[in-house]
Amino acid sequence: MKDLVVSPSSFGFLYEECPACYYNSVHGLRRRPSTPFPSIFTQIDRAMKARFSAPGWHVVAGERRRFKIAASDGWVRSAPIPVRGHDLTLTIRGTFDSVLRFEDGRFGLCDWKTAPVKADLLSKYSRQLHAYTFALERPALDEPQRIDELGLGVFEPAAFDVNAGAQASLTGGLTWLAMTRDDVRFARFLQSVGQLLALPNAPPPSPSCAFCAYRAA
């Protein structure tokens, strides 16, 4: 039986952008060139996790319960997922942002974001969170981690300040954006991904895929 490794981050963007690029990437046939990612977002992300990893309870707007970080930046690998009707399995592998432990004992999977989250991106982020949740609760080797809820921790910088010692800072709101968990819907999505990847050849590219258009030219 063939096993293919799939990334939660690709579920949100590449899978929808172009089925041909997604198919070729997962099968290791052809990968898109990597695009630069501004390091400032990575630095802010690390700073937030470091701050919330400090002892004591923490708060975020939009959530009345206090929380502590139970785990951050953890690699996950799911148990193989059978694809119906095919001699194929999928394995989810990637790195999640943070698991939060709320003061009521519930665990929430959090993806930290800097800048407002557009409405049309919510479904994409939801797929990523569901994928990490699946891998955490059904790991290939590690102990299962219970996840009770999903959400985004959204930091929106609004002001810049600098003190007399020339130490600068960004300030703004930090909000918890809860996301609905739907395991049945995600299971259907996984099967649709599996059916695509089980094809003998890559499907036609998306008409809007600039990368495929460039290669064709």
C-alpha atoms as a PDB file:
ATOM      1  CA  MET A   1       0.000   0.000   0.000  1.00  0.00           C
ATOM      2  CA  LYS A   2       1.296   3.438  -0.904  1.00  0.00           C
ATOM      3  CA  ASP A   3       1.378   6.173   1.719  1.00  0.00           C
ATOM      4  CA  LEU A   4       1.500   9.874   0.852  1.00  0.00           C
ATOM      5  CA  VAL A   5       2.480  12.600   3.321  1.00  0.00           C
ATOM      6  CA  VAL A   6       0.203  15.639   3.252  1.00  0.00           C
ATOM      7  CA  SER A   7       0.790  19.014   4.902  1.00  0.00           C
ATOM      8  CA  PRO A   8      -1.937  20.909   6.801  1.00  0.00           C
ATOM      9  CA  SER A   9      -0.703  24.226   5.388  1.00  0.00           C
ATOM     10  CA  SER A  10      -1.203  22.970   1.815  1.00  0.00           C
ATOM     11  CA  PHE A  11      -4.820  22.048   2.609  1.00  0.00           C
ATOM     12  CA  GLY A  12      -5.616  25.701   3.054  1.00  0.00           C
ATOM     13  CA  PHE A  13      -3.995  27.227   0.013  1.00  0.00           C
ATOM     14  CA  LEU A  14      -2.225  25.064  -2.584  1.00  0.00           C
ATOM     15  CA  TYR A  15      -5.014  22.475  -2.700  1.00  0.00           C
ATOM     16  CA  GLU A  16      -7.539  25.155  -3.672  1.00  0.00           C
ATOM     17  CA  GLU A  17      -5.222  27.236  -5.846  1.00  0.00           C
ATOM     18  CA  CYS A  18      -4.311  24.481  -8.302  1.00  0.00           C
ATOM     19  CA  PRO A  19      -5.090  20.741  -8.203  1.00  0.00           C
ATOM     20  CA  ALA A  20      -2.238  20.012 -10.629  1.00  0.00           C
ATOM     21  CA  CYS A  21       0.360  21.799  -8.494  1.00  0.00           C
ATOM     22  CA  TYR A  22      -0.977  20.093  -5.381  1.00  0.00           C
ATOM     23  CA  TYR A  23      -0.902  16.634  -6.977  1.00  0.00           C
ATOM     24  CA  ASN A  24       2.624  17.114  -8.319  1.00  0.00           C
ATOM     25  CA  SER A  25       3.891  18.488  -5.017  1.00  0.00           C
ATOM     26  CA  VAL A  26       2.559  15.639  -2.870  1.00  0.00           C
ATOM     27  CA  HIS A  27       3.791  12.999  -5.315  1.00  0.00           C
ATOM     28  CA  GLY A  28       7.214  14.666  -5.429  1.00  0.00           C
ATOM     29  CA  LEU A  29       6.996  15.220  -9.197  1.00  0.00           C
ATOM     30  CA  ARG A  30       7.276  18.983  -9.366  1.00  0.00           C
ATOM     31  CA  ARG A  31       7.223  21.672  -6.706  1.00  0.00           C
ATOM     32  CA  ARG A  32       6.468  25.341  -6.961  1.00  0.00           C
ATOM     33  CA  PRO A  33       9.399  27.646  -6.156  1.00  0.00           C
ATOM     34  CA  SER A  34       9.203  28.788  -2.561  1.00  0.00           C
ATOM     35  CA  THR A  35       8.014  32.345  -2.001  1.00  0.00           C
ATOM     36  CA  PRO A  36       9.724  34.690   0.474  1.00  0.00           C
ATOM     37  CA  PHE A  37       7.998  35.076   3.843  1.00  0.00           C
ATOM     38  CA  PRO A  38       8.670  38.300   5.802  1.00  0.00           C
ATOM     39  CA  SER A  39      10.726  37.417   8.886  1.00  0.00           C
ATOM     40  CA  ILE A  40       8.901  40.021  10.986  1.00  0.00           C
ATOM     41  CA  PHE A  41       5.852  37.755  11.238  1.00  0.00           C
ATOM     42  CA  THR A  42       8.005  34.860  12.458  1.00  0.00           C
ATOM     43  CA  GLN A  43       9.628  37.129  15.050  1.00  0.00           C
ATOM     44  CA  ILE A  44       6.267  38.371  16.333  1.00  0.00           C
ATOM     45  CA  ASP A  45       4.985  34.797  16.473  1.00  0.00           C
ATOM     46  CA  ARG A  46       7.984  33.688  18.549  1.00  0.00           C
ATOM     47  CA  ALA A  47       7.642  36.691  20.854  1.00  0.00           C
ATOM     48  CA  MET A  48       3.967  35.920  21.533  1.00  0.00           C
ATOM     49  CA  LYS A  49       4.680  32.283  22.328  1.00  0.00           C
ATOM     50  CA  ALA A  50       7.595  33.237  24.584  1.00  0.00           C
ATOM     51  CA  ARG A  51       5.395  35.700  26.475  1.00  0.00           C
ATOM     52  CA  PHE A  52       2.573  33.226  26.961  1.00  0.00           C
ATOM     53  CA  SER A  53       4.981  30.456  27.982  1.00  0.00           C
ATOM     54  CA  ALA A  54       5.822  32.499  31.104  1.00  0.00           C
ATOM     55  CA  PRO A  55       4.417  31.175  34.409  1.00  0.00           C
ATOM     56  CA  GLY A  56       0.909  32.136  35.393  1.00  0.00           C
ATOM     57  CA  TRP A  57      -2.403  32.491  33.639  1.00  0.00           C
ATOM     58  CA  HIS A  58      -2.907  34.681  30.581  1.00  0.00           C
ATOM     59  CA  VAL A  59      -5.886  36.390  28.981  1.00  0.00           C
ATOM     60  CA  VAL A  60      -6.981  37.269  25.467  1.00  0.00           C
ATOM     61  CA  ALA A  61      -9.914  39.388  24.323  1.00  0.00           C
ATOM     62  CA  GLY A  62     -12.994  37.478  23.218  1.00  0.00           C
ATOM     63  CA  GLU A  63     -12.396  34.637  25.698  1.00  0.00           C
ATOM     64  CA  ARG A  64     -13.430  34.893  29.353  1.00  0.00           C
ATOM     65  CA  ARG A  65     -11.319  31.915  30.471  1.00  0.00           C
ATOM     66  CA  ARG A  66      -7.647  32.327  31.286  1.00  0.00           C
ATOM     67  CA  PHE A  67      -5.147  29.977  29.671  1.00  0.00           C
ATOM     68  CA  LYS A  68      -1.638  28.569  29.768  1.00  0.00           C
ATOM     69  CA  ILE A  69       0.372  27.182  26.847  1.00  0.00           C
ATOM     70  CA  ALA A  70       0.573  23.402  27.143  1.00  0.00           C
ATOM     71  CA  ALA A  71       2.730  22.890  24.027  1.00  0.00           C
ATOM     72  CA  SER A  72       4.128  24.922  21.139  1.00  0.00           C
ATOM     73  CA  ASP A  73       5.843  24.332  17.798  1.00  0.00           C
ATOM     74  CA  GLY A  74       5.367  20.584  18.017  1.00  0.00           C
ATOM     75  CA  TRP A  75       5.873  18.189  15.130  1.00  0.00           C
ATOM     76  CA  VAL A  76       2.927  15.887  14.538  1.00  0.00           C
ATOM     77  CA  ARG A  77       2.516  12.819  12.366  1.00  0.00           C
ATOM     78  CA  SER A  78      -0.826  11.082  12.128  1.00  0.00           C
ATOM     79  CA  ALA A  79      -1.546   7.408  11.818  1.00  0.00           C
ATOM     80  CA  PRO A  80      -2.177   6.441   8.157  1.00  0.00           C
ATOM     81  CA  ILE A  81      -5.625   7.379   6.850  1.00  0.00           C
ATOM     82  CA  PRO A  82      -7.124   4.881   4.353  1.00  0.00           C
ATOM     83  CA  VAL A  83      -8.533   6.306   1.119  1.00  0.00           C
ATOM     84  CA  ARG A  84     -11.758   4.529   0.212  1.00  0.00           C
ATOM     85  CA  GLY A  85     -11.590   2.427  -2.939  1.00  0.00           C
ATOM     86  CA  HIS A  86      -7.823   2.716  -3.379  1.00  0.00           C
ATOM     87  CA  ASP A  87      -4.638   1.020  -2.215  1.00  0.00           C
ATOM     88  CA  LEU A  88      -3.543   4.327  -0.694  1.00  0.00           C
ATOM     89  CA  THR A  89      -3.197   5.998   2.695  1.00  0.00           C
ATOM     90  CA  LEU A  90      -2.541   9.599   3.699  1.00  0.00           C
ATOM     91  CA  THR A  91      -0.350  10.702   6.593  1.00  0.00           C
ATOM     92  CA  ILE A  92      -0.731  14.216   7.979  1.00  0.00           C
ATOM     93  CA  ARG A  93       2.583  15.749   9.019  1.00  0.00           C
ATOM     94  CA  GLY A  94       3.476  19.267  10.113  1.00  0.00           C
ATOM     95  CA  THR A  95       4.179  21.667  12.974  1.00  0.00           C
ATOM     96  CA  PHE A  96       1.326  23.166  14.995  1.00  0.00           C
ATOM     97  CA  ASP A  97       1.476  26.562  16.698  1.00  0.00           C
ATOM     98  CA  SER A  98       0.202  26.097  20.265  1.00  0.00           C
ATOM     99  CA  VAL A  99      -2.040  23.937  22.410  1.00  0.00           C
ATOM    100  CA  LEU A 100      -3.710  26.049  25.093  1.00  0.00           C
ATOM    101  CA  ARG A 101      -4.954  24.681  28.411  1.00  0.00           C
ATOM    102  CA  PHE A 102      -7.857  26.761  29.669  1.00  0.00           C
ATOM    103  CA  GLU A 103      -8.562  27.127  33.358  1.00  0.00           C
ATOM    104  CA  ASP A 104     -11.654  24.918  33.061  1.00  0.00           C
ATOM    105  CA  GLY A 105      -9.426  22.009  31.958  1.00  0.00           C
ATOM    106  CA  ARG A 106     -10.322  22.107  28.275  1.00  0.00           C
ATOM    107  CA  PHE A 107      -7.648  22.150  25.577  1.00  0.00           C
ATOM    108  CA  GLY A 108      -7.721  24.447  22.555  1.00  0.00           C
ATOM    109  CA  LEU A 109      -5.564  24.285  19.433  1.00  0.00           C
ATOM    110  CA  CYS A 110      -4.432  27.808  18.553  1.00  0.00           C
ATOM    111  CA  ASP A 111      -2.893  29.237  15.408  1.00  0.00           C
ATOM    112  CA  TRP A 112      -1.359  32.666  16.030  1.00  0.00           C
ATOM    113  CA  LYS A 113      -1.942  35.315  13.378  1.00  0.00           C
ATOM    114  CA  THR A 114      -0.590  38.843  12.961  1.00  0.00           C
ATOM    115  CA  ALA A 115      -2.946  41.262  11.118  1.00  0.00           C
ATOM    116  CA  PRO A 116      -6.723  41.000  10.658  1.00  0.00           C
ATOM    117  CA  VAL A 117      -8.071  37.700   9.357  1.00  0.00           C
ATOM    118  CA  LYS A 118     -10.116  38.057   6.176  1.00  0.00           C
ATOM    119  CA  ALA A 119     -13.435  36.234   6.072  1.00  0.00           C
ATOM    120  CA  ASP A 120     -12.529  34.316   2.906  1.00  0.00           C
ATOM    121  CA  LEU A 121      -9.520  32.774   4.688  1.00  0.00           C
ATOM    122  CA  LEU A 122     -11.455  31.309   7.622  1.00  0.00           C
ATOM    123  CA  SER A 123     -12.284  28.038   5.854  1.00  0.00           C
ATOM    124  CA  LYS A 124      -8.633  27.588   4.904  1.00  0.00           C
ATOM    125  CA  TYR A 125      -7.416  28.127   8.465  1.00  0.00           C
ATOM    126  CA  SER A 126     -10.154  25.807   9.707  1.00  0.00           C
ATOM    127  CA  ARG A 127      -8.824  22.975   7.526  1.00  0.00           C
ATOM    128  CA  GLN A 128      -5.323  23.476   8.898  1.00  0.00           C
ATOM    129  CA  LEU A 129      -6.538  23.401  12.490  1.00  0.00           C
ATOM    130  CA  HIS A 130      -8.643  20.300  11.844  1.00  0.00           C
ATOM    131  CA  ALA A 131      -5.645  18.578  10.247  1.00  0.00           C
ATOM    132  CA  TYR A 132      -3.369  19.282  13.214  1.00  0.00           C
ATOM    133  CA  THR A 133      -6.142  18.184  15.571  1.00  0.00           C
ATOM    134  CA  PHE A 134      -6.537  14.918  13.691  1.00  0.00           C
ATOM    135  CA  ALA A 135      -2.794  14.244  13.944  1.00  0.00           C
ATOM    136  CA  LEU A 136      -2.630  15.189  17.631  1.00  0.00           C
ATOM    137  CA  GLU A 137      -5.559  12.946  18.554  1.00  0.00           C
ATOM    138  CA  ARG A 138      -4.534  10.063  16.263  1.00  0.00           C
ATOM    139  CA  PRO A 139      -0.722  10.149  16.238  1.00  0.00           C
ATOM    140  CA  ALA A 140       1.419   7.527  14.574  1.00  0.00           C
ATOM    141  CA  LEU A 141       3.693   7.062  17.601  1.00  0.00           C
ATOM    142  CA  ASP A 142       3.200   9.635  20.361  1.00  0.00           C
ATOM    143  CA  GLU A 143       0.576   9.709  23.088  1.00  0.00           C
ATOM    144  CA  PRO A 144      -2.730  11.202  21.888  1.00  0.00           C
ATOM    145  CA  GLN A 145      -3.409  14.828  22.846  1.00  0.00           C
ATOM    146  CA  ARG A 146      -7.026  15.691  23.531  1.00  0.00           C
ATOM    147  CA  ILE A 147      -8.270  18.794  21.716  1.00  0.00           C
ATOM    148  CA  ASP A 148     -11.628  20.231  22.738  1.00  0.00           C
ATOM    149  CA  GLU A 149     -11.811  23.381  20.633  1.00  0.00           C
ATOM    150  CA  LEU A 150     -10.129  25.304  17.837  1.00  0.00           C
ATOM    151  CA  GLY A 151      -9.326  28.970  17.377  1.00  0.00           C
ATOM    152  CA  LEU A 152      -7.072  31.723  16.121  1.00  0.00           C
ATOM    153  CA  GLY A 153      -5.125  34.105  18.345  1.00  0.00           C
ATOM    154  CA  VAL A 154      -5.177  37.278  16.250  1.00  0.00           C
ATOM    155  CA  PHE A 155      -2.785  40.144  17.013  1.00  0.00           C
ATOM    156  CA  GLU A 156      -3.589  43.386  15.181  1.00  0.00           C
ATOM    157  CA  PRO A 157      -0.769  45.946  15.573  1.00  0.00           C
ATOM    158  CA  ALA A 158      -2.236  49.424  15.829  1.00  0.00           C
ATOM    159  CA  ALA A 159       0.417  51.675  17.360  1.00  0.00           C
ATOM    160  CA  PHE A 160       4.180  52.111  17.460  1.00  0.00           C
ATOM    161  CA  ASP A 161       6.038  53.420  20.507  1.00  0.00           C
ATOM    162  CA  VAL A 162       9.647  54.102  21.468  1.00  0.00           C
ATOM    163  CA  ASN A 163      11.068  55.012  24.873  1.00  0.00           C
ATOM    164  CA  ALA A 164      13.976  57.243  25.905  1.00  0.00           C
ATOM    165  CA  GLY A 165      16.355  54.310  25.533  1.00  0.00           C
ATOM    166  CA  ALA A 166      15.351  53.855  21.895  1.00  0.00           C
ATOM    167  CA  GLN A 167      13.537  50.600  22.677  1.00  0.00           C
ATOM    168  CA  ALA A 168      10.601  50.338  20.284  1.00  0.00           C
ATOM    169  CA  SER A 169       7.416  48.292  20.497  1.00  0.00           C
ATOM    170  CA  LEU A 170       4.248  47.515  18.597  1.00  0.00           C
ATOM    171  CA  THR A 171       0.967  47.476  20.486  1.00  0.00           C
ATOM    172  CA  GLY A 172      -2.524  46.471  19.499  1.00  0.00           C
ATOM    173  CA  GLY A 173      -5.415  44.171  20.232  1.00  0.00           C
ATOM    174  CA  LEU A 174      -5.125  40.410  20.755  1.00  0.00           C
ATOM    175  CA  THR A 175      -8.341  38.482  20.163  1.00  0.00           C
ATOM    176  CA  TRP A 176      -9.406  34.848  20.393  1.00  0.00           C
ATOM    177  CA  LEU A 177     -11.409  33.883  17.307  1.00  0.00           C
ATOM    178  CA  ALA A 178     -13.179  30.614  18.051  1.00  0.00           C
ATOM    179  CA  MET A 179     -13.730  28.254  15.120  1.00  0.00           C
ATOM    180  CA  THR A 180     -16.407  25.583  14.834  1.00  0.00           C
ATOM    181  CA  ARG A 181     -15.152  22.025  14.927  1.00  0.00           C
ATOM    182  CA  ASP A 182     -16.724  19.659  12.392  1.00  0.00           C
ATOM    183  CA  ASP A 183     -14.950  16.295  12.257  1.00  0.00           C
ATOM    184  CA  VAL A 184     -17.453  14.769   9.823  1.00  0.00           C
ATOM    185  CA  ARG A 185     -16.926  17.533   7.292  1.00  0.00           C
ATOM    186  CA  PHE A 186     -13.148  17.277   7.646  1.00  0.00           C
ATOM    187  CA  ALA A 187     -13.290  13.496   7.144  1.00  0.00           C
ATOM    188  CA  ARG A 188     -15.128  14.086   3.861  1.00  0.00           C
ATOM    189  CA  PHE A 189     -12.502  16.632   2.871  1.00  0.00           C
ATOM    190  CA  LEU A 190      -9.701  14.138   3.560  1.00  0.00           C
ATOM    191  CA  GLN A 191     -11.400  11.602   1.316  1.00  0.00           C
ATOM    192  CA  SER A 192     -11.702  14.166  -1.494  1.00  0.00           C
ATOM    193  CA  VAL A 193      -7.986  14.882  -1.155  1.00  0.00           C
ATOM    194  CA  GLY A 194      -7.293  11.161  -1.285  1.00  0.00           C
ATOM    195  CA  GLN A 195      -9.420  10.684  -4.409  1.00  0.00           C
ATOM    196  CA  LEU A 196      -7.477  13.459  -6.147  1.00  0.00           C
ATOM    197  CA  LEU A 197      -4.107  12.013  -5.155  1.00  0.00           C
ATOM    198  CA  ALA A 198      -5.166   8.505  -6.213  1.00  0.00           C
ATOM    199  CA  LEU A 199      -5.477   9.589  -9.863  1.00  0.00           C
ATOM    200  CA  PRO A 200      -2.896   7.943 -12.157  1.00  0.00           C
ATOM    201  CA  ASN A 201      -1.817  11.338 -13.481  1.00  0.00           C
ATOM    202  CA  ALA A 202      -2.047  14.965 -12.429  1.00  0.00           C
ATOM    203  CA  PRO A 203      -5.417  16.640 -13.123  1.00  0.00           C
ATOM    204  CA  PRO A 204      -5.648  19.700 -15.393  1.00  0.00           C
ATOM    205  CA  PRO A 205      -4.207  22.868 -13.841  1.00  0.00           C
ATOM    206  CA  SER A 206      -6.374  25.661 -12.572  1.00  0.00           C
ATOM    207  CA  PRO A 207      -6.955  28.347 -15.259  1.00  0.00           C
ATOM    208  CA  SER A 208      -5.830  30.970 -12.741  1.00  0.00           C
ATOM    209  CA  CYS A 209      -2.551  29.227 -11.836  1.00  0.00           C
ATOM    210  CA  ALA A 210       0.238  31.581 -12.897  1.00  0.00           C
ATOM    211  CA  PHE A 211       2.905  28.957 -12.201  1.00  0.00           C
ATOM    212  CA  CYS A 212       1.340  26.404 -14.584  1.00  0.00           C
ATOM    213  CA  ALA A 213       0.767  29.116 -17.197  1.00  0.00           C
ATOM    214  CA  TYR A 214       4.441  30.093 -16.966  1.00  0.00           C
ATOM    215  CA  ARG A 215       5.576  26.481 -17.397  1.00  0.00           C
ATOM    216  CA  ALA A 216       3.249  26.000 -20.360  1.00  0.00           C
ATOM    217  CA  ALA A 217       4.633  29.117 -22.027  1.00  0.00           C
END
